[in-house]
Amino acid sequence: MQHSIIEFKARSADHQQIREILKNKNARYVGTDHQVDTYFFVPTGRLKLREGNIENSLIFYSRPDQAGPKLSDVTMSAVPPGSDLRAVLSKALGVLVTVDKHREIYFVDNVKIHLDRVEGLGTFIEVEAIGTEEDLPRLKGQCDSFRKEFGVSDSQLMQGSYSDMLLER
């Protein structure tokens, strides 16, 4: 399945304030997922296997490393829980890094909001406005609106992925 996503990721010291805003927006709470994302060596983009108790997918994506809302080109495939795919991909491609996080997942219409606690990195918010290429202006507007509502400053915005941050440590 292929998606166009406009997203941003930011440091977040106050998840409770964001939860209150989401409650007032009647956000749909999906649950809290303990996710282990294993990133593999690939020549372009990023390839990760997400293993969780809610979400399990093989995900390939490419996006610019820039702070603020950015376009991600994402292709993903569902993976059954307990699959041996990690062992196969590890042997074939090699493991770049593993990200261990606890993620609260919310939806407001087509916008997915994550409140993350990442082992070794801290707490973050991630907002993904999901649609098609034709939706890009609307998706960017949704990200900008959530950023403003959540009070995310420029200094809080993250450029890369959690995998990049772990590799830089």
N, C-alpha and C. Protein backbone atom coordinates (compact mmCIF):
# COMPACT_ATOMS: atom_id res chain seq x y z
N MET A 1 0.84 -1.17 0.00
CA MET A 1 0.00 0.00 0.00
C MET A 1 0.89 1.24 0.00
N GLN A 2 0.59 2.20 -0.86
CA GLN A 2 1.39 3.41 -1.00
C GLN A 2 0.59 4.62 -0.52
N HIS A 3 1.27 5.52 0.20
CA HIS A 3 0.65 6.73 0.73
C HIS A 3 1.56 7.92 0.48
N SER A 4 0.92 9.09 0.40
CA SER A 4 1.66 10.34 0.50
C SER A 4 1.35 10.90 1.88
N ILE A 5 2.40 11.25 2.60
CA ILE A 5 2.24 11.72 3.98
C ILE A 5 3.04 13.01 4.15
N ILE A 6 2.39 14.01 4.72
CA ILE A 6 3.10 15.20 5.20
C ILE A 6 3.19 15.02 6.70
N GLU A 7 4.40 15.12 7.24
CA GLU A 7 4.59 14.83 8.66
C GLU A 7 5.59 15.77 9.30
N PHE A 8 5.51 15.84 10.62
CA PHE A 8 6.57 16.46 11.39
C PHE A 8 6.75 15.68 12.69
N LYS A 9 7.97 15.77 13.21
CA LYS A 9 8.33 15.15 14.47
C LYS A 9 8.99 16.23 15.31
N ALA A 10 8.66 16.25 16.62
CA ALA A 10 9.20 17.28 17.49
C ALA A 10 9.41 16.74 18.90
N ARG A 11 10.37 17.31 19.59
CA ARG A 11 10.54 17.00 21.02
C ARG A 11 9.29 17.48 21.75
N SER A 12 8.89 16.73 22.76
CA SER A 12 7.68 17.08 23.51
C SER A 12 7.90 16.80 24.98
N ALA A 13 7.84 17.85 25.78
CA ALA A 13 8.02 17.67 27.22
C ALA A 13 6.69 17.48 27.94
N ASP A 14 5.57 17.78 27.27
CA ASP A 14 4.28 17.76 27.95
C ASP A 14 3.23 16.97 27.15
N HIS A 15 3.30 15.67 27.24
CA HIS A 15 2.31 14.84 26.55
C HIS A 15 0.91 15.05 27.12
N GLN A 16 0.80 15.38 28.41
CA GLN A 16 -0.52 15.54 29.02
C GLN A 16 -1.29 16.69 28.38
N GLN A 17 -0.62 17.79 28.09
CA GLN A 17 -1.27 18.93 27.42
C GLN A 17 -1.77 18.51 26.04
N ILE A 18 -0.98 17.74 25.32
CA ILE A 18 -1.38 17.29 23.99
C ILE A 18 -2.57 16.33 24.10
N ARG A 19 -2.56 15.44 25.10
CA ARG A 19 -3.70 14.54 25.32
C ARG A 19 -4.99 15.33 25.54
N GLU A 20 -4.91 16.42 26.29
CA GLU A 20 -6.09 17.25 26.55
C GLU A 20 -6.61 17.88 25.25
N ILE A 21 -5.70 18.37 24.42
CA ILE A 21 -6.10 18.95 23.13
C ILE A 21 -6.75 17.88 22.27
N LEU A 22 -6.16 16.68 22.24
CA LEU A 22 -6.73 15.59 21.45
C LEU A 22 -8.10 15.19 21.97
N LYS A 23 -8.27 15.17 23.28
CA LYS A 23 -9.58 14.84 23.87
C LYS A 23 -10.63 15.86 23.42
N ASN A 24 -10.26 17.15 23.45
CA ASN A 24 -11.18 18.21 23.03
C ASN A 24 -11.51 18.14 21.54
N LYS A 25 -10.64 17.53 20.76
CA LYS A 25 -10.88 17.36 19.32
C LYS A 25 -11.59 16.03 19.02
N ASN A 26 -11.99 15.30 20.07
CA ASN A 26 -12.64 13.99 19.92
C ASN A 26 -11.77 13.02 19.12
N ALA A 27 -10.47 13.05 19.38
CA ALA A 27 -9.55 12.15 18.70
C ALA A 27 -9.89 10.70 19.07
N ARG A 28 -9.69 9.82 18.13
CA ARG A 28 -9.89 8.38 18.38
C ARG A 28 -8.58 7.80 18.89
N TYR A 29 -8.63 7.27 20.11
CA TYR A 29 -7.44 6.65 20.71
C TYR A 29 -7.40 5.20 20.28
N VAL A 30 -6.31 4.80 19.62
CA VAL A 30 -6.16 3.43 19.14
C VAL A 30 -5.57 2.55 20.23
N GLY A 31 -4.61 3.10 21.00
CA GLY A 31 -3.98 2.34 22.07
C GLY A 31 -2.52 2.72 22.19
N THR A 32 -1.86 2.07 23.14
CA THR A 32 -0.42 2.26 23.32
C THR A 32 0.29 1.00 22.83
N ASP A 33 1.23 1.21 21.94
CA ASP A 33 1.93 0.10 21.29
C ASP A 33 3.41 0.13 21.70
N HIS A 34 3.92 -1.01 22.15
CA HIS A 34 5.37 -1.15 22.34
C HIS A 34 5.91 -1.62 21.00
N GLN A 35 6.65 -0.75 20.31
CA GLN A 35 7.13 -1.04 18.97
C GLN A 35 8.65 -1.16 18.96
N VAL A 36 9.11 -2.18 18.26
CA VAL A 36 10.53 -2.32 17.98
C VAL A 36 10.69 -2.20 16.47
N ASP A 37 11.37 -1.15 16.03
CA ASP A 37 11.62 -0.91 14.61
C ASP A 37 13.06 -1.31 14.30
N THR A 38 13.22 -2.30 13.44
CA THR A 38 14.55 -2.72 13.02
C THR A 38 14.80 -2.14 11.63
N TYR A 39 15.83 -1.30 11.53
CA TYR A 39 16.21 -0.67 10.26
C TYR A 39 17.31 -1.50 9.61
N PHE A 40 17.19 -1.66 8.30
CA PHE A 40 18.13 -2.48 7.53
C PHE A 40 18.93 -1.60 6.59
N PHE A 41 20.13 -2.07 6.24
CA PHE A 41 20.95 -1.38 5.25
C PHE A 41 20.29 -1.48 3.88
N VAL A 42 20.02 -0.34 3.25
CA VAL A 42 19.50 -0.30 1.89
C VAL A 42 20.19 0.86 1.16
N PRO A 43 20.30 0.78 -0.18
CA PRO A 43 21.04 1.82 -0.91
C PRO A 43 20.38 3.20 -0.90
N THR A 44 19.04 3.25 -0.84
CA THR A 44 18.33 4.53 -0.80
C THR A 44 17.16 4.41 0.16
N GLY A 45 16.71 5.54 0.67
CA GLY A 45 15.56 5.55 1.57
C GLY A 45 15.83 4.80 2.86
N ARG A 46 14.74 4.38 3.49
CA ARG A 46 14.83 3.63 4.75
C ARG A 46 13.90 2.43 4.66
N LEU A 47 14.39 1.30 5.15
CA LEU A 47 13.58 0.08 5.22
C LEU A 47 13.57 -0.37 6.66
N LYS A 48 12.36 -0.50 7.23
CA LYS A 48 12.27 -0.93 8.62
C LYS A 48 11.16 -1.96 8.77
N LEU A 49 11.39 -2.85 9.71
CA LEU A 49 10.38 -3.81 10.11
C LEU A 49 9.87 -3.35 11.47
N ARG A 50 8.57 -3.05 11.53
CA ARG A 50 7.95 -2.62 12.78
C ARG A 50 7.24 -3.81 13.40
N GLU A 51 7.63 -4.12 14.64
CA GLU A 51 7.00 -5.21 15.37
C GLU A 51 6.41 -4.64 16.66
N GLY A 52 5.09 -4.76 16.79
CA GLY A 52 4.40 -4.23 17.96
C GLY A 52 3.22 -5.10 18.33
N ASN A 53 2.49 -4.66 19.35
CA ASN A 53 1.29 -5.39 19.71
C ASN A 53 0.06 -4.84 19.00
N ILE A 54 0.20 -3.69 18.31
CA ILE A 54 -0.89 -3.12 17.50
C ILE A 54 -0.49 -3.09 16.03
N GLU A 55 0.69 -2.57 15.74
CA GLU A 55 1.14 -2.41 14.36
C GLU A 55 2.32 -3.33 14.06
N ASN A 56 2.21 -4.05 12.94
CA ASN A 56 3.28 -4.93 12.45
C ASN A 56 3.35 -4.76 10.95
N SER A 57 4.44 -4.14 10.47
CA SER A 57 4.54 -3.84 9.04
C SER A 57 5.99 -3.79 8.60
N LEU A 58 6.19 -4.09 7.32
CA LEU A 58 7.45 -3.81 6.65
C LEU A 58 7.22 -2.49 5.92
N ILE A 59 8.08 -1.51 6.18
CA ILE A 59 7.86 -0.15 5.69
C ILE A 59 9.11 0.34 4.97
N PHE A 60 8.92 0.79 3.73
CA PHE A 60 9.99 1.47 2.99
C PHE A 60 9.54 2.90 2.80
N TYR A 61 10.42 3.84 3.11
CA TYR A 61 10.04 5.24 2.91
C TYR A 61 11.26 6.08 2.56
N SER A 62 10.95 7.17 1.89
CA SER A 62 11.98 8.17 1.62
C SER A 62 11.38 9.53 1.91
N ARG A 63 12.21 10.39 2.48
CA ARG A 63 11.78 11.75 2.79
C ARG A 63 13.03 12.58 3.02
N PRO A 64 12.91 13.89 2.85
CA PRO A 64 14.06 14.75 3.11
C PRO A 64 14.30 14.87 4.62
N ASP A 65 15.55 15.02 5.01
CA ASP A 65 15.89 15.27 6.41
C ASP A 65 15.88 16.77 6.62
N GLN A 66 14.71 17.28 7.01
CA GLN A 66 14.56 18.71 7.26
C GLN A 66 13.60 18.87 8.42
N ALA A 67 13.77 19.94 9.17
CA ALA A 67 12.87 20.21 10.28
C ALA A 67 11.53 20.70 9.72
N GLY A 68 10.46 20.38 10.40
CA GLY A 68 9.15 20.85 10.00
C GLY A 68 8.45 19.89 9.07
N PRO A 69 7.25 20.28 8.62
CA PRO A 69 6.48 19.40 7.75
C PRO A 69 7.25 19.04 6.49
N LYS A 70 7.21 17.74 6.15
CA LYS A 70 7.91 17.26 4.97
C LYS A 70 7.11 16.13 4.34
N LEU A 71 7.31 15.95 3.04
CA LEU A 71 6.62 14.90 2.30
C LEU A 71 7.38 13.60 2.44
N SER A 72 6.67 12.55 2.79
CA SER A 72 7.23 11.20 2.84
C SER A 72 6.51 10.34 1.82
N ASP A 73 7.28 9.60 1.06
CA ASP A 73 6.73 8.62 0.14
C ASP A 73 6.87 7.27 0.83
N VAL A 74 5.74 6.65 1.17
CA VAL A 74 5.73 5.47 2.01
C VAL A 74 5.06 4.30 1.30
N THR A 75 5.73 3.15 1.32
CA THR A 75 5.14 1.90 0.85
C THR A 75 5.25 0.91 2.00
N MET A 76 4.12 0.27 2.32
CA MET A 76 4.15 -0.64 3.45
C MET A 76 3.33 -1.89 3.17
N SER A 77 3.69 -2.95 3.91
CA SER A 77 3.00 -4.22 3.80
C SER A 77 2.81 -4.79 5.20
N ALA A 78 1.61 -5.24 5.49
CA ALA A 78 1.34 -5.85 6.79
C ALA A 78 2.16 -7.13 6.95
N VAL A 79 2.61 -7.36 8.15
CA VAL A 79 3.40 -8.55 8.49
C VAL A 79 2.70 -9.24 9.66
N PRO A 80 2.50 -10.55 9.59
CA PRO A 80 1.84 -11.21 10.72
C PRO A 80 2.71 -11.17 11.97
N PRO A 81 2.10 -10.97 13.14
CA PRO A 81 2.88 -10.99 14.39
C PRO A 81 3.63 -12.32 14.52
N GLY A 82 4.85 -12.23 15.03
CA GLY A 82 5.65 -13.44 15.22
C GLY A 82 6.33 -13.95 13.96
N SER A 83 6.28 -13.16 12.89
CA SER A 83 6.92 -13.55 11.63
C SER A 83 8.42 -13.69 11.81
N ASP A 84 9.04 -14.52 10.97
CA ASP A 84 10.50 -14.66 10.98
C ASP A 84 11.17 -13.74 9.97
N LEU A 85 10.44 -12.71 9.52
CA LEU A 85 10.96 -11.79 8.50
C LEU A 85 12.20 -11.04 8.99
N ARG A 86 12.25 -10.68 10.28
CA ARG A 86 13.42 -9.96 10.79
C ARG A 86 14.68 -10.80 10.60
N ALA A 87 14.61 -12.09 10.88
CA ALA A 87 15.79 -12.95 10.73
C ALA A 87 16.23 -13.01 9.27
N VAL A 88 15.27 -13.10 8.36
CA VAL A 88 15.59 -13.18 6.93
C VAL A 88 16.23 -11.87 6.45
N LEU A 89 15.61 -10.74 6.79
CA LEU A 89 16.14 -9.44 6.35
C LEU A 89 17.48 -9.13 7.01
N SER A 90 17.64 -9.52 8.27
CA SER A 90 18.92 -9.31 8.95
C SER A 90 20.04 -10.04 8.24
N LYS A 91 19.76 -11.27 7.85
CA LYS A 91 20.78 -12.08 7.17
C LYS A 91 21.07 -11.54 5.77
N ALA A 92 20.02 -11.11 5.07
CA ALA A 92 20.19 -10.66 3.69
C ALA A 92 20.77 -9.25 3.59
N LEU A 93 20.35 -8.33 4.48
CA LEU A 93 20.71 -6.92 4.34
C LEU A 93 21.61 -6.39 5.46
N GLY A 94 21.54 -6.98 6.63
CA GLY A 94 22.25 -6.47 7.80
C GLY A 94 21.43 -5.42 8.52
N VAL A 95 21.56 -5.38 9.85
CA VAL A 95 20.80 -4.44 10.67
C VAL A 95 21.60 -3.16 10.84
N LEU A 96 20.97 -2.05 10.53
CA LEU A 96 21.56 -0.73 10.70
C LEU A 96 21.42 -0.27 12.15
N VAL A 97 20.21 -0.32 12.69
CA VAL A 97 19.93 0.13 14.05
C VAL A 97 18.54 -0.37 14.45
N THR A 98 18.31 -0.46 15.75
CA THR A 98 17.01 -0.84 16.28
C THR A 98 16.49 0.27 17.18
N VAL A 99 15.23 0.64 16.98
CA VAL A 99 14.57 1.68 17.77
C VAL A 99 13.49 1.01 18.60
N ASP A 100 13.56 1.22 19.92
CA ASP A 100 12.59 0.65 20.86
C ASP A 100 11.78 1.80 21.44
N LYS A 101 10.45 1.77 21.24
CA LYS A 101 9.64 2.89 21.71
C LYS A 101 8.28 2.42 22.20
N HIS A 102 7.68 3.26 23.03
CA HIS A 102 6.30 3.09 23.44
C HIS A 102 5.54 4.25 22.81
N ARG A 103 4.47 3.91 22.08
CA ARG A 103 3.79 4.90 21.24
C ARG A 103 2.30 4.89 21.53
N GLU A 104 1.76 6.05 21.93
CA GLU A 104 0.32 6.23 22.01
C GLU A 104 -0.14 6.67 20.62
N ILE A 105 -1.19 6.03 20.11
CA ILE A 105 -1.64 6.29 18.74
C ILE A 105 -3.05 6.89 18.77
N TYR A 106 -3.21 8.03 18.11
CA TYR A 106 -4.49 8.72 18.01
C TYR A 106 -4.76 9.05 16.54
N PHE A 107 -6.05 9.20 16.21
CA PHE A 107 -6.45 9.68 14.89
C PHE A 107 -7.45 10.81 15.04
N VAL A 108 -7.28 11.85 14.23
CA VAL A 108 -8.30 12.88 14.01
C VAL A 108 -8.50 12.88 12.50
N ASP A 109 -9.61 12.28 12.06
CA ASP A 109 -9.88 12.08 10.64
C ASP A 109 -8.71 11.32 10.00
N ASN A 110 -8.04 11.93 9.01
CA ASN A 110 -6.94 11.27 8.31
C ASN A 110 -5.58 11.57 8.92
N VAL A 111 -5.56 12.25 10.06
CA VAL A 111 -4.31 12.65 10.69
C VAL A 111 -4.01 11.71 11.85
N LYS A 112 -2.83 11.11 11.81
CA LYS A 112 -2.38 10.17 12.84
C LYS A 112 -1.39 10.91 13.74
N ILE A 113 -1.64 10.85 15.04
CA ILE A 113 -0.79 11.53 16.00
C ILE A 113 -0.17 10.48 16.91
N HIS A 114 1.15 10.56 17.08
CA HIS A 114 1.88 9.65 17.96
C HIS A 114 2.48 10.44 19.11
N LEU A 115 2.31 9.92 20.31
CA LEU A 115 3.03 10.42 21.47
C LEU A 115 4.02 9.33 21.82
N ASP A 116 5.30 9.60 21.61
CA ASP A 116 6.34 8.59 21.70
C ASP A 116 7.27 8.78 22.89
N ARG A 117 7.66 7.67 23.48
CA ARG A 117 8.75 7.63 24.46
C ARG A 117 9.76 6.64 23.89
N VAL A 118 10.89 7.17 23.43
CA VAL A 118 11.90 6.38 22.72
C VAL A 118 13.06 6.10 23.66
N GLU A 119 13.39 4.81 23.81
CA GLU A 119 14.49 4.40 24.68
C GLU A 119 15.78 5.10 24.24
N GLY A 120 16.43 5.77 25.18
CA GLY A 120 17.70 6.42 24.91
C GLY A 120 17.60 7.80 24.28
N LEU A 121 16.37 8.24 23.93
CA LEU A 121 16.22 9.54 23.26
C LEU A 121 15.29 10.51 23.97
N GLY A 122 14.20 10.02 24.58
CA GLY A 122 13.27 10.92 25.25
C GLY A 122 11.87 10.84 24.69
N THR A 123 11.12 11.95 24.84
CA THR A 123 9.71 11.99 24.44
C THR A 123 9.52 12.93 23.25
N PHE A 124 8.60 12.51 22.37
CA PHE A 124 8.38 13.20 21.11
C PHE A 124 6.90 13.15 20.73
N ILE A 125 6.52 14.05 19.84
CA ILE A 125 5.23 13.98 19.18
C ILE A 125 5.50 13.88 17.69
N GLU A 126 4.69 13.07 17.01
CA GLU A 126 4.80 12.95 15.57
C GLU A 126 3.40 13.09 14.99
N VAL A 127 3.26 13.91 13.97
CA VAL A 127 1.97 14.13 13.32
C VAL A 127 2.12 13.74 11.86
N GLU A 128 1.23 12.86 11.38
CA GLU A 128 1.25 12.40 9.99
C GLU A 128 -0.12 12.66 9.37
N ALA A 129 -0.17 13.56 8.40
CA ALA A 129 -1.39 13.78 7.62
C ALA A 129 -1.29 12.87 6.40
N ILE A 130 -2.23 11.93 6.28
CA ILE A 130 -2.14 10.84 5.31
C ILE A 130 -3.15 11.05 4.19
N GLY A 131 -2.68 10.92 2.94
CA GLY A 131 -3.57 11.06 1.80
C GLY A 131 -2.89 10.63 0.52
N THR A 132 -3.25 11.33 -0.56
CA THR A 132 -2.67 11.04 -1.87
C THR A 132 -1.91 12.27 -2.35
N GLU A 133 -1.24 12.12 -3.47
CA GLU A 133 -0.49 13.25 -4.03
C GLU A 133 -1.38 14.46 -4.29
N GLU A 134 -2.61 14.20 -4.68
CA GLU A 134 -3.55 15.29 -4.97
C GLU A 134 -3.91 16.06 -3.70
N ASP A 135 -3.74 15.44 -2.53
CA ASP A 135 -4.11 16.04 -1.25
C ASP A 135 -3.01 16.88 -0.62
N LEU A 136 -1.84 16.98 -1.23
CA LEU A 136 -0.67 17.55 -0.55
C LEU A 136 -0.90 18.94 0.06
N PRO A 137 -1.53 19.88 -0.63
CA PRO A 137 -1.75 21.19 0.02
C PRO A 137 -2.62 21.07 1.27
N ARG A 138 -3.65 20.26 1.22
CA ARG A 138 -4.53 20.07 2.39
C ARG A 138 -3.76 19.40 3.53
N LEU A 139 -2.93 18.39 3.20
CA LEU A 139 -2.16 17.68 4.22
C LEU A 139 -1.18 18.62 4.91
N LYS A 140 -0.53 19.48 4.13
CA LYS A 140 0.40 20.45 4.72
C LYS A 140 -0.34 21.40 5.65
N GLY A 141 -1.52 21.84 5.23
CA GLY A 141 -2.33 22.72 6.07
C GLY A 141 -2.73 22.04 7.38
N GLN A 142 -3.05 20.75 7.31
CA GLN A 142 -3.40 20.02 8.53
C GLN A 142 -2.20 19.95 9.48
N CYS A 143 -1.02 19.65 8.96
CA CYS A 143 0.19 19.60 9.80
C CYS A 143 0.46 20.96 10.44
N ASP A 144 0.36 22.02 9.65
CA ASP A 144 0.60 23.36 10.17
C ASP A 144 -0.39 23.69 11.29
N SER A 145 -1.64 23.29 11.10
CA SER A 145 -2.67 23.56 12.10
C SER A 145 -2.39 22.82 13.41
N PHE A 146 -2.04 21.53 13.32
CA PHE A 146 -1.74 20.77 14.53
C PHE A 146 -0.48 21.31 15.21
N ARG A 147 0.49 21.68 14.43
CA ARG A 147 1.72 22.23 15.03
C ARG A 147 1.39 23.47 15.85
N LYS A 148 0.54 24.33 15.30
CA LYS A 148 0.15 25.55 16.00
C LYS A 148 -0.66 25.20 17.26
N GLU A 149 -1.64 24.31 17.13
CA GLU A 149 -2.48 23.92 18.28
C GLU A 149 -1.65 23.30 19.40
N PHE A 150 -0.66 22.51 19.05
CA PHE A 150 0.18 21.84 20.05
C PHE A 150 1.28 22.74 20.58
N GLY A 151 1.44 23.93 20.00
CA GLY A 151 2.44 24.88 20.48
C GLY A 151 3.87 24.43 20.21
N VAL A 152 4.09 23.77 19.08
CA VAL A 152 5.43 23.28 18.73
C VAL A 152 6.25 24.41 18.12
N SER A 153 7.36 24.72 18.76
CA SER A 153 8.24 25.79 18.27
C SER A 153 9.24 25.23 17.25
N ASP A 154 9.87 26.12 16.51
CA ASP A 154 10.89 25.72 15.54
C ASP A 154 12.01 24.93 16.21
N SER A 155 12.39 25.35 17.42
CA SER A 155 13.51 24.69 18.10
C SER A 155 13.18 23.26 18.53
N GLN A 156 11.91 22.90 18.61
CA GLN A 156 11.52 21.54 18.99
C GLN A 156 11.51 20.58 17.80
N LEU A 157 11.43 21.10 16.58
CA LEU A 157 11.30 20.27 15.39
C LEU A 157 12.56 19.42 15.16
N MET A 158 12.34 18.19 14.74
CA MET A 158 13.42 17.25 14.47
C MET A 158 13.58 17.09 12.96
N GLN A 159 14.82 16.93 12.52
CA GLN A 159 15.09 16.77 11.09
C GLN A 159 14.95 15.32 10.64
N GLY A 160 15.62 14.43 11.31
CA GLY A 160 15.70 13.04 10.85
C GLY A 160 14.77 12.12 11.62
N SER A 161 15.05 10.85 11.50
CA SER A 161 14.25 9.82 12.17
C SER A 161 14.91 9.45 13.50
N TYR A 162 14.18 8.67 14.30
CA TYR A 162 14.76 8.17 15.55
C TYR A 162 16.01 7.35 15.25
N SER A 163 15.99 6.63 14.15
CA SER A 163 17.17 5.82 13.78
C SER A 163 18.39 6.73 13.57
N ASP A 164 18.19 7.87 12.90
CA ASP A 164 19.30 8.81 12.69
C ASP A 164 19.83 9.33 14.02
N MET A 165 18.91 9.66 14.93
CA MET A 165 19.34 10.19 16.23
C MET A 165 20.13 9.15 17.01
N LEU A 166 19.70 7.89 16.96
CA LEU A 166 20.43 6.84 17.67
C LEU A 166 21.81 6.60 17.04
N LEU A 167 21.88 6.66 15.71
CA LEU A 167 23.16 6.46 15.04
C LEU A 167 24.14 7.60 15.32
N GLU A 168 23.63 8.81 15.55
CA GLU A 168 24.49 9.97 15.83
C GLU A 168 25.06 9.94 17.25
N ARG A 169 24.44 9.18 18.15
CA ARG A 169 24.90 9.15 19.55
C ARG A 169 26.22 8.46 19.70
